[in-house]
Protein backbone atom coordinates (compact mmCIF):
# COMPACT_ATOMS: atom_id res chain seq x y z
CA MET A 1 -0.23 -0.12 -0.06
CA ILE A 2 2.82 2.34 1.04
CA ARG A 3 4.37 1.42 -2.35
CA ASP A 4 1.10 2.30 -4.15
CA LEU A 5 0.79 5.75 -2.63
CA HIS A 6 4.32 6.65 -3.13
CA ASN A 7 3.83 5.87 -7.18
CA LYS A 8 0.94 7.86 -7.23
CA LEU A 9 2.47 10.77 -5.65
CA ILE A 10 5.63 11.11 -7.99
CA ASN A 11 3.01 10.13 -10.85
CA LYS A 12 1.05 13.15 -9.65
CA GLU A 13 -2.15 11.11 -9.32
CA ILE A 14 -2.69 12.61 -6.16
CA THR A 15 -1.24 14.72 -3.96
CA SER A 16 -0.16 14.78 -0.39
CA LEU A 17 -2.30 17.11 0.62
CA GLN A 18 -5.32 15.54 -0.68
CA LEU A 19 -4.28 12.19 0.97
CA THR A 20 -4.01 13.89 4.24
CA GLU A 21 -7.16 15.43 3.78
CA GLU A 22 -8.95 12.28 3.10
CA TYR A 23 -7.37 10.60 6.06
CA PHE A 24 -8.55 13.38 8.39
CA GLU A 25 -12.33 13.22 6.61
CA ARG A 26 -12.21 9.48 7.63
CA ILE A 27 -11.43 10.33 10.80
CA GLN A 28 -13.85 12.67 11.35
CA LYS A 29 -16.82 9.95 9.87
CA LYS A 30 -15.45 6.88 12.07
CA ASP A 31 -13.22 8.04 14.90
CA LYS A 32 -16.80 9.16 17.15
CA GLU A 33 -17.15 5.50 17.34
CA LEU A 34 -14.02 3.99 17.41
CA PHE A 35 -11.98 6.63 19.34
CA ALA A 36 -8.87 5.29 18.15
CA TYR A 37 -7.13 8.98 18.43
CA LEU A 38 -6.46 10.83 21.64
CA THR A 39 -4.93 13.86 19.80
CA LEU A 40 -5.04 14.73 16.28
CA THR A 41 -1.98 17.07 14.84
CA LYS A 42 -3.74 18.40 11.78
CA GLU A 43 -2.32 21.46 11.32
CA SER A 44 1.40 20.44 11.32
CA ALA A 45 -0.02 17.30 9.00
CA LEU A 46 -1.22 19.40 6.40
CA GLU A 47 1.70 21.78 6.90
CA GLN A 48 4.28 18.86 6.01
CA ALA A 49 2.17 17.44 3.33
CA ARG A 50 2.36 20.78 1.49
CA LYS A 51 6.14 20.48 1.70
CA VAL A 52 6.32 17.50 0.05
CA ASP A 53 3.98 18.32 -2.75
CA GLU A 54 6.31 21.49 -3.31
CA LYS A 55 9.20 18.81 -3.68
CA ILE A 56 7.53 16.86 -5.99
CA LYS A 57 6.55 19.99 -7.89
CA LYS A 58 9.92 21.28 -8.10
CA GLY A 59 11.15 17.67 -9.62
CA GLU A 60 12.89 16.71 -6.47
CA GLU A 61 13.15 13.17 -5.56
CA ILE A 62 11.10 11.71 -2.60
CA ARG A 63 11.88 8.82 -0.20
CA ILE A 64 9.19 6.19 0.03
CA LEU A 65 7.42 7.35 3.01
CA GLU A 66 7.46 10.89 2.26
CA GLY A 67 3.79 12.33 2.31
CA ILE A 68 2.65 9.16 3.65
CA PRO A 69 0.00 9.66 6.50
CA GLY A 70 0.24 7.58 9.67
CA ALA A 71 -0.14 7.85 13.39
CA ILE A 72 2.05 7.56 16.62
CA LYS A 73 0.76 5.61 19.86
CA ASP A 74 0.55 8.15 22.66
CA ASN A 75 3.53 7.15 24.88
CA MET A 76 5.96 8.05 22.21
CA CYS A 77 7.13 12.06 22.40
CA LEU A 78 6.13 14.14 19.73
CA LEU A 79 7.75 17.44 20.02
CA GLY A 80 4.96 20.29 21.00
CA THR A 81 2.13 17.90 21.21
CA ARG A 82 0.31 16.33 24.27
CA THR A 83 1.48 12.99 25.47
CA THR A 84 -0.32 11.07 28.09
CA ALA A 85 0.27 7.05 27.84
CA GLY A 86 -3.47 7.00 28.31
CA SER A 87 -2.97 8.38 31.42
CA LYS A 88 -4.35 11.33 33.61
CA ILE A 89 -1.24 11.75 35.37
CA LEU A 90 -0.05 13.07 31.99
CA ASP A 91 -2.80 14.56 30.89
CA ASN A 92 -1.26 18.40 30.57
CA TYR A 93 2.26 16.85 29.55
CA ILE A 94 3.77 18.59 26.50
CA ALA A 95 6.64 16.55 24.91
CA PRO A 96 9.45 18.93 24.84
CA TYR A 97 11.38 16.71 22.28
CA ASP A 98 10.88 13.91 19.77
CA ALA A 99 11.32 10.59 20.18
CA THR A 100 13.87 8.99 18.15
CA ALA A 101 11.55 6.59 16.15
CA VAL A 102 9.50 9.72 15.60
CA LYS A 103 12.32 12.15 14.76
CA ARG A 104 13.63 9.35 12.03
CA LEU A 105 9.81 9.37 10.58
CA LYS A 106 9.88 13.03 10.53
CA GLU A 107 13.17 13.32 8.94
CA GLY A 108 12.06 10.54 6.12
CA GLY A 109 9.13 13.16 5.37
CA ALA A 110 6.42 11.18 6.84
CA VAL A 111 3.02 12.95 7.69
CA ILE A 112 1.71 12.42 11.19
CA LEU A 113 -2.15 12.51 12.01
CA GLY A 114 -1.89 12.37 15.38
CA LYS A 115 -1.47 10.37 18.75
CA THR A 116 -3.25 6.95 19.24
CA ASN A 117 -5.35 5.82 22.25
CA MET A 118 -3.73 3.01 24.04
CA ASP A 119 -4.27 0.97 27.64
CA GLU A 120 -2.60 3.23 30.39
CA PHE A 121 0.96 3.39 30.54
CA ALA A 122 0.64 0.37 27.92
CA MET A 123 -0.95 -1.89 30.87
CA GLY A 124 -3.27 -3.72 29.21
CA SER A 125 -4.34 -6.21 26.67
CA SER A 126 -7.70 -4.35 25.21
CA THR A 127 -7.13 -0.72 25.53
CA GLU A 128 -9.80 -0.63 27.91
CA THR A 129 -7.61 0.83 30.77
CA SER A 130 -7.05 4.12 28.85
CA ALA A 131 -8.01 7.13 31.15
CA TYR A 132 -10.10 8.36 27.99
CA GLY A 133 -12.01 5.71 27.35
CA PRO A 134 -11.57 1.89 25.27
CA THR A 135 -11.09 1.90 21.60
CA LYS A 136 -13.31 -0.05 19.61
CA ASN A 137 -12.51 -2.98 17.21
CA PRO A 138 -13.34 -1.89 13.38
CA ALA A 139 -14.09 -5.66 12.55
CA ASP A 140 -17.04 -5.42 15.54
CA THR A 141 -17.44 -2.26 17.63
CA GLU A 142 -18.69 -4.46 20.40
CA ARG A 143 -15.39 -5.97 21.06
CA VAL A 144 -12.06 -4.83 21.88
CA PRO A 145 -9.22 -4.17 19.47
CA GLY A 146 -6.70 -5.59 21.70
CA GLY A 147 -4.11 -3.88 23.57
CA SER A 148 -1.94 -1.89 24.73
CA SER A 149 -1.39 -0.50 21.12
CA GLY A 150 -5.45 -0.98 20.04
CA GLY A 151 -5.51 2.52 18.82
CA SER A 152 -2.63 2.46 16.74
CA ALA A 153 -4.09 -1.11 15.28
CA ALA A 154 -7.65 -0.21 15.10
CA SER A 155 -6.54 3.26 12.79
CA VAL A 156 -4.75 1.22 10.49
CA ALA A 157 -7.62 -1.49 9.85
CA ALA A 158 -10.28 1.44 9.49
CA ASP A 159 -8.12 3.23 7.11
CA GLU A 160 -7.62 5.93 9.59
CA ALA A 161 -3.98 5.52 8.98
CA VAL A 162 -1.61 4.10 6.32
CA TRP A 163 0.57 2.77 9.09
CA ALA A 164 1.30 3.42 12.48
CA LEU A 165 4.10 3.10 15.49
CA GLY A 166 3.11 0.87 18.35
CA SER A 167 5.09 -0.55 21.47
CA ASP A 168 5.23 -4.01 22.37
CA THR A 169 6.37 -5.16 26.08
CA GLY A 170 4.39 -8.45 26.26
CA GLY A 171 2.24 -8.45 22.68
CA SER A 172 1.16 -5.02 22.65
CA ILE A 173 1.71 -4.83 18.77
CA ARG A 174 1.25 -8.45 17.83
CA GLN A 175 -2.18 -9.19 19.67
CA PRO A 176 -3.90 -5.91 18.49
CA ALA A 177 -2.88 -6.29 14.99
CA ALA A 178 -3.99 -10.21 15.17
CA PHE A 179 -7.60 -8.64 16.92
CA CYS A 180 -8.00 -6.09 13.94
CA GLY A 181 -6.68 -8.28 11.13
CA VAL A 182 -3.75 -6.42 10.25
CA VAL A 183 0.11 -6.63 10.46
CA GLY A 184 2.09 -6.24 13.71
CA LEU A 185 5.91 -6.05 14.14
CA LYS A 186 8.01 -6.58 17.09
CA PRO A 187 11.69 -5.87 16.07
CA THR A 188 14.68 -7.62 18.10
CA TYR A 189 14.93 -5.71 21.24
CA GLY A 190 17.49 -2.82 20.27
CA ARG A 191 16.46 -2.56 16.62
CA VAL A 192 14.60 0.53 17.31
CA SER A 193 15.89 2.90 19.90
CA ARG A 194 13.30 3.46 22.62
CA HIS A 195 14.58 6.90 23.27
CA GLY A 196 11.79 9.35 24.00
CA LEU A 197 9.17 6.05 24.70
CA LEU A 198 7.40 6.85 27.84
CA ALA A 199 9.09 3.21 29.62
CA MET A 200 6.82 0.65 31.03
CA ALA A 201 9.37 -2.32 31.63
CA SER A 202 12.63 -1.52 29.95
CA SER A 203 14.12 -4.47 29.29
CA LEU A 204 10.93 -5.60 27.50
CA ASP A 205 9.74 -2.35 25.88
CA GLN A 206 10.35 -2.11 21.87
CA ILE A 207 8.83 0.01 19.39
CA GLY A 208 7.53 -1.30 16.10
CA PRO A 209 5.32 -0.68 13.19
CA ILE A 210 1.39 -2.20 12.59
CA THR A 211 0.61 -1.76 8.95
CA LYS A 212 -1.78 -3.07 6.38
CA THR A 213 0.71 -5.52 4.48
CA VAL A 214 4.24 -6.92 5.39
CA GLU A 215 6.06 -4.88 2.80
CA ASP A 216 4.47 -1.74 4.35
CA ALA A 217 5.73 -2.75 8.17
CA ALA A 218 9.32 -3.58 6.05
CA ILE A 219 9.24 0.13 4.74
CA VAL A 220 8.51 1.41 8.14
CA LEU A 221 11.25 -0.60 10.15
CA SER A 222 13.51 0.50 7.93
CA GLU A 223 12.79 4.09 8.41
CA ILE A 224 13.01 3.58 12.23
CA ALA A 225 15.77 0.90 12.58
CA GLY A 226 19.42 2.07 13.87
CA GLU A 227 21.81 3.02 16.84
CA ASP A 228 20.89 5.55 18.92
CA LEU A 229 23.50 7.40 21.12
CA ARG A 230 20.81 8.08 23.50
CA ASP A 231 19.68 4.89 24.13
CA ALA A 232 22.56 2.43 25.53
CA THR A 233 20.64 -0.67 24.82
CA SER A 234 20.30 0.43 20.63
CA ALA A 235 22.14 -1.91 17.91
CA LYS A 236 24.14 -0.72 15.21
CA SER A 237 21.62 -1.87 12.70
CA SER A 238 20.57 1.10 10.55
CA GLY A 239 21.34 1.25 6.93
CA LYS A 240 19.12 -1.87 5.53
CA ARG A 241 16.08 -1.67 3.58
CA TYR A 242 14.20 -4.58 4.77
CA GLU A 243 11.72 -4.48 1.89
CA ASN A 244 14.32 -5.87 -0.43
CA TYR A 245 14.49 -9.09 1.47
CA LEU A 246 10.83 -10.03 0.56
CA THR A 247 11.50 -12.29 -2.17
CA GLY A 248 8.69 -14.77 -1.85
CA GLU A 249 10.84 -17.52 -1.71
CA VAL A 250 10.68 -19.79 1.54
CA THR A 251 11.93 -23.01 0.18
CA GLY A 252 14.21 -25.02 2.26
CA LEU A 253 13.22 -22.42 5.34
CA LYS A 254 12.98 -24.80 8.67
CA ILE A 255 9.63 -23.74 10.35
CA GLY A 256 9.24 -24.97 13.69
CA ILE A 257 5.90 -26.03 15.55
CA VAL A 258 6.18 -25.90 19.36
CA LYS A 259 5.08 -29.34 20.78
CA GLU A 260 3.92 -27.71 24.41
CA TYR A 261 1.56 -25.14 22.39
CA GLN A 262 -0.26 -27.55 20.41
CA GLU A 263 -2.32 -29.28 23.41
CA ASN A 264 -4.65 -26.48 24.66
CA LEU A 265 -5.57 -25.20 21.22
CA LYS A 266 -9.11 -24.74 20.39
CA LYS A 267 -10.46 -26.37 17.43
CA ASP A 268 -11.05 -23.33 15.12
CA THR A 269 -7.39 -21.88 15.97
CA LYS A 270 -5.97 -25.50 15.39
CA GLU A 271 -7.63 -25.56 12.15
CA LEU A 272 -6.32 -22.47 11.01
CA MET A 273 -2.73 -23.26 12.37
CA GLU A 274 -3.02 -26.43 10.21
CA LYS A 275 -4.08 -24.53 6.71
CA ALA A 276 -0.95 -22.10 7.33
CA ILE A 277 1.36 -25.20 8.06
CA GLU A 278 0.01 -26.74 4.80
CA THR A 279 0.53 -23.49 2.69
CA TYR A 280 3.98 -23.33 4.29
CA LYS A 281 4.77 -26.79 3.08
CA ASN A 282 3.31 -26.22 -0.46
CA MET A 283 5.78 -23.46 -0.60
CA GLY A 284 8.41 -25.75 -0.08
CA ALA A 285 9.00 -24.92 3.50
CA GLU A 286 9.93 -27.53 5.97
CA ILE A 287 7.84 -28.28 8.87
CA THR A 288 9.47 -29.63 12.06
CA GLU A 289 8.11 -30.22 15.73
CA ILE A 290 10.18 -28.73 18.63
CA GLU A 291 10.15 -28.57 22.34
CA MET A 292 10.52 -25.75 24.54
CA PRO A 293 9.86 -27.02 28.03
CA TYR A 294 10.58 -23.93 29.80
CA ALA A 295 7.81 -21.63 27.43
CA LYS A 296 5.00 -22.44 29.56
CA TYR A 297 6.73 -20.76 32.65
CA ALA A 298 6.99 -17.34 30.64
CA LEU A 299 3.49 -15.71 31.77
CA PRO A 300 4.28 -16.07 35.32
CA VAL A 301 7.92 -15.00 34.80
CA TYR A 302 6.64 -11.90 32.45
CA TYR A 303 4.05 -11.16 35.18
CA ILE A 304 6.77 -10.86 38.09
CA ILE A 305 9.49 -9.19 35.99
CA MET A 306 7.46 -6.63 34.21
CA PRO A 307 5.49 -4.92 37.39
CA CYS A 308 9.18 -5.22 39.13
CA GLU A 309 10.28 -2.52 36.40
CA VAL A 310 6.76 -0.54 36.41
CA SER A 311 7.35 -0.19 40.01
CA SER A 312 10.70 1.66 39.22
CA ASN A 313 10.05 3.14 36.26
CA LEU A 314 6.68 5.44 37.54
CA ALA A 315 8.17 6.36 40.61
CA ARG A 316 9.23 9.36 38.56
CA PHE A 317 5.36 10.39 38.22
CA ASP A 318 5.46 12.23 41.75
CA GLY A 319 3.34 15.48 40.96
CA ILE A 320 6.08 17.57 41.23
CA LYS A 321 8.39 17.13 38.23
CA TYR A 322 5.71 17.22 35.48
CA GLY A 323 2.14 15.98 34.69
CA LEU A 324 -0.79 16.19 37.05
CA SER A 325 -0.39 17.47 40.60
CA VAL A 326 -3.19 17.79 43.12
CA ASN A 327 -2.32 21.15 43.82
CA ASP A 328 -2.93 22.26 40.39
CA GLN A 329 -6.01 20.73 39.85
CA LYS A 330 -9.34 22.38 39.34
CA TYR A 331 -11.12 21.44 42.86
CA SER A 332 -14.36 20.11 40.58
CA ASP A 333 -12.29 17.09 39.52
CA LEU A 334 -11.45 15.84 42.80
CA PRO A 335 -13.50 14.47 45.53
CA ALA A 336 -15.05 16.97 48.18
CA SER A 337 -13.00 15.74 51.32
CA LEU A 338 -9.33 16.19 49.12
CA ARG A 339 -11.17 19.58 47.71
CA GLU A 340 -11.66 20.73 51.32
CA ALA A 341 -8.06 19.85 52.34
CA LEU A 342 -6.74 21.68 49.46
CA GLN A 343 -8.43 24.64 50.11
CA ALA A 344 -7.08 24.50 53.62
CA GLY A 345 -3.56 24.40 52.49
CA ASN A 346 -0.69 23.38 54.56
CA ARG A 347 -0.21 20.29 52.41
CA SER A 348 2.89 18.22 52.96
CA LEU A 349 5.21 16.96 50.16
CA LEU A 350 4.09 13.53 51.13
CA GLU A 351 0.74 13.90 50.64
CA THR A 352 1.21 15.74 47.37
CA TYR A 353 3.03 12.61 46.49
CA LEU A 354 0.39 10.19 47.34
CA ASP A 355 -2.49 12.30 46.26
CA SER A 356 -1.18 13.08 42.83
CA ARG A 357 -0.73 9.24 42.18
CA LYS A 358 -3.58 8.26 43.60
CA TYR A 359 -5.85 10.43 41.33
CA GLY A 360 -3.63 10.31 38.63
CA PHE A 361 -2.82 6.80 37.78
CA GLY A 362 -5.87 3.95 37.16
CA PRO A 363 -6.53 0.58 38.88
CA GLU A 364 -4.36 -1.31 36.66
CA VAL A 365 -1.20 0.89 37.15
CA LYS A 366 -1.70 0.94 40.90
CA ARG A 367 -2.27 -2.93 40.76
CA ARG A 368 0.84 -3.55 38.46
CA ILE A 369 2.67 -0.89 41.04
CA MET A 370 1.92 -2.81 43.97
CA LEU A 371 2.72 -6.26 42.57
CA GLY A 372 6.22 -5.05 41.42
CA THR A 373 7.06 -3.38 44.92
CA TYR A 374 6.16 -6.38 46.93
CA ALA A 375 8.17 -8.33 44.68
CA LEU A 376 11.35 -6.54 45.13
CA SER A 377 10.66 -5.77 48.62
CA SER A 378 13.07 -7.03 51.36
CA GLY A 379 12.61 -10.98 51.90
CA TYR A 380 10.76 -11.35 48.47
CA TYR A 381 13.42 -10.37 46.11
CA ASP A 382 15.22 -13.75 45.85
CA ALA A 383 12.02 -15.63 46.02
CA TYR A 384 10.45 -13.66 43.36
CA TYR A 385 12.47 -11.59 41.19
CA LEU A 386 15.34 -13.36 40.88
CA ARG A 387 13.84 -16.43 40.49
CA ALA A 388 12.03 -14.96 37.59
CA GLN A 389 15.44 -13.81 36.23
CA LYS A 390 17.04 -17.65 36.05
CA VAL A 391 13.65 -18.85 34.60
CA ARG A 392 14.33 -16.17 32.04
CA ALA A 393 17.58 -17.14 31.26
CA LEU A 394 16.29 -20.80 30.72
CA ILE A 395 13.54 -19.59 28.31
CA LYS A 396 16.08 -17.91 26.47
CA LYS A 397 18.18 -21.00 26.25
CA ASP A 398 15.09 -22.64 24.70
CA PHE A 399 14.96 -20.05 21.83
CA GLU A 400 18.57 -20.68 21.49
CA LYS A 401 18.29 -24.40 21.29
CA ALA A 402 15.29 -24.23 18.80
CA PHE A 403 17.20 -21.87 16.64
CA GLU A 404 19.65 -24.53 16.38
CA GLU A 405 17.19 -26.69 14.59
CA VAL A 406 15.06 -24.09 12.83
CA ASP A 407 14.97 -20.77 10.99
CA LEU A 408 11.65 -19.75 12.64
CA ILE A 409 8.52 -20.76 14.73
CA LEU A 410 5.15 -20.52 13.67
CA THR A 411 2.24 -20.12 16.36
CA PRO A 412 -1.15 -18.46 17.02
CA THR A 413 -0.69 -14.99 18.14
CA SER A 414 -3.57 -15.13 20.44
CA PRO A 415 -5.22 -18.06 21.91
CA THR A 416 -9.06 -16.67 21.02
CA PRO A 417 -10.03 -13.66 18.63
CA ALA A 418 -11.09 -10.20 19.94
CA PHE A 419 -13.55 -10.63 23.11
CA LYS A 420 -16.15 -8.38 24.12
CA LEU A 421 -15.52 -4.90 25.73
CA GLY A 422 -16.01 -5.67 29.12
CA GLU A 423 -16.09 -9.11 29.22
CA LYS A 424 -12.73 -9.94 30.83
CA THR A 425 -12.15 -6.14 32.93
CA GLU A 426 -12.95 -8.00 36.28
CA ASP A 427 -10.51 -10.76 35.43
CA PRO A 428 -7.23 -9.29 35.28
CA LEU A 429 -5.68 -13.00 35.52
CA GLU A 430 -8.05 -13.79 32.24
CA MET A 431 -6.98 -10.84 30.59
CA TYR A 432 -3.12 -11.81 31.29
CA LEU A 433 -4.00 -15.04 29.13
CA SER A 434 -4.10 -13.26 25.73
CA ASP A 435 -0.50 -12.90 26.07
CA VAL A 436 0.51 -16.48 26.31
CA PHE A 437 2.03 -16.66 22.84
CA THR A 438 3.21 -13.19 22.72
CA VAL A 439 5.49 -12.79 26.13
CA THR A 440 8.24 -15.17 25.23
CA ALA A 441 9.56 -13.31 22.36
CA ASN A 442 9.75 -10.16 24.81
CA ILE A 443 11.55 -12.23 27.25
CA ALA A 444 14.03 -13.48 25.02
CA GLY A 445 14.50 -10.35 23.08
CA VAL A 446 13.65 -12.03 19.47
CA PRO A 447 11.96 -10.55 16.87
CA ALA A 448 8.28 -11.65 16.03
CA ILE A 449 5.42 -10.79 13.90
CA SER A 450 1.53 -11.36 13.66
CA ILE A 451 0.02 -11.51 10.10
CA PRO A 452 -3.76 -12.20 9.28
CA GLY A 453 -4.33 -16.02 9.08
CA GLY A 454 -7.82 -16.12 8.61
CA LYS A 455 -11.21 -15.55 10.28
CA ILE A 456 -13.03 -17.33 13.25
CA LYS A 457 -17.20 -17.17 13.49
CA GLU A 458 -17.83 -15.95 17.24
CA GLY A 459 -20.97 -14.57 18.11
CA GLY A 460 -22.45 -13.73 14.67
CA SER A 461 -19.29 -12.03 13.92
CA GLU A 462 -16.38 -13.12 11.28
CA LEU A 463 -13.40 -12.48 13.87
CA PRO A 464 -9.44 -11.68 12.69
CA PHE A 465 -6.78 -14.58 13.32
CA GLY A 466 -3.54 -13.92 13.80
CA LEU A 467 -0.67 -15.86 13.10
CA GLN A 468 2.63 -15.25 14.78
CA LEU A 469 6.03 -16.15 13.55
CA THR A 470 9.28 -15.48 15.42
CA ALA A 471 12.95 -15.66 14.43
CA LYS A 472 16.68 -15.46 15.64
CA TRP A 473 18.01 -12.60 17.22
CA PHE A 474 18.02 -9.71 14.43
CA ASP A 475 16.84 -11.71 11.53
CA GLU A 476 13.99 -9.84 10.84
CA GLU A 477 15.00 -10.34 7.08
CA ASN A 478 14.02 -13.80 7.19
CA LEU A 479 11.08 -13.19 9.39
CA LEU A 480 9.73 -10.75 7.06
CA ARG A 481 10.27 -12.69 3.95
CA ALA A 482 8.51 -15.71 5.41
CA ALA A 483 5.30 -13.67 6.54
CA HIS A 484 5.49 -11.90 3.21
CA ALA A 485 5.58 -15.24 1.26
CA PHE A 486 2.48 -16.49 3.49
CA GLU A 487 1.04 -12.99 2.77
CA ALA A 488 1.00 -13.72 -1.03
CA ASN A 489 0.33 -17.17 -1.23
CA SER A 490 -2.71 -17.46 0.95
CA LYS A 491 -6.35 -16.21 0.62
CA PHE A 492 -5.89 -13.59 3.32
CA LYS A 493 -3.30 -11.52 1.13
CA ASN A 494 -4.49 -7.97 1.08
CA GLN A 495 -7.69 -8.52 2.83
CA ASN A 496 -7.40 -5.39 4.37
CA SER A 497 -5.35 -3.33 1.46
CA LYS A 498 -7.35 -0.70 0.20
CA PRO A 499 -4.98 2.40 -1.16
């Protein structure tokens, strides 16, 4: 889709201004129901579109993303723009700089339409924990779009953006992509700089693209990847054009099917997995069953390590340095008892800290802060956090052993299609199970991609189903090549691709 639009721009079949205005018109029509966006940046988007049109008019060459409209998840800094991370505690925060990934997109001439809705501080699997309200799934507006990058996935699926950036800590790009029937790529940890991404769990977070097609994901990755001196965990990996590796050829490629994952698959999920396996076999790939005995511990390991890092990272939001402070809030926004205390004055610094966090953070954020603080506390660090890190090392060894036998691993992205709004909000453990197939990639730091793999009929709706491919560290080339080949050789190809 991006390439088609790029060609239309350079052939003067359409202008970037016209294209950008079309997307804003779609947002105006659709987003009152979907609520994919928290903030629109219409003025700067139209200004950028005019600049691109002027370059084309002068006969200057433009880059492939130049003039193409997209969206940014609201936990990435965008200079001069409100950046909330879906939380009331950052309701009034205006980013003073661009995240590195955003800066690189700007340098590539991309048009940024706005900031998308998300679970608060990326903590959730449904975009229902957003302090501003839930996003709805374009495939069925009674269902969730997934999370935490639900706004980004919904914006792409609903043709409210050509591409979008999400962040992935335990599946937050791939699971919403699967629920919305689009492509979601989590690169290798370190492939894309995290500078300017509001941290949730620093050893797990990674920025990546959500797009209509695999080629589009490769194009966006090419623009945002690379070393960044502001991020010590970033890798020297810039300069590659990942779209050039999409040959469509997978003959001889070895794809692993995890034995431990096959036992509890539901009938519909199992049938679609079998169809995907048959598709790859027909293309010449070799299918091998592999064992990953420690994979079953991935979810409990994730839900110990991640809250510990959350507890540390969110300590900075204290009502003093930036964001919400109860001392600055309108009294009408607060409970009567607190309004009276504020009016009386004489508030201590500790009371300001506690009340700002109490009224700034939502229930899921508080839950994870408490879990992490407990696991890191004296007497429990060794029993929980240290043990989880040891099992994390074993899970990584599972991957190392698996990749001695195979090139890629194929699994479902999620055990179920999109569930209904409100269905799992009262049961956090049930919600956490949505990440059972995705968290392993974050724990090990390997790249993974979700691609459309069919539809599942449920409750009168045909809901998107996602397939996940996982590759070796820094082997996005084979990952994207195999995903693109499936896309091109299955009946699901381009099901969401309408320029």
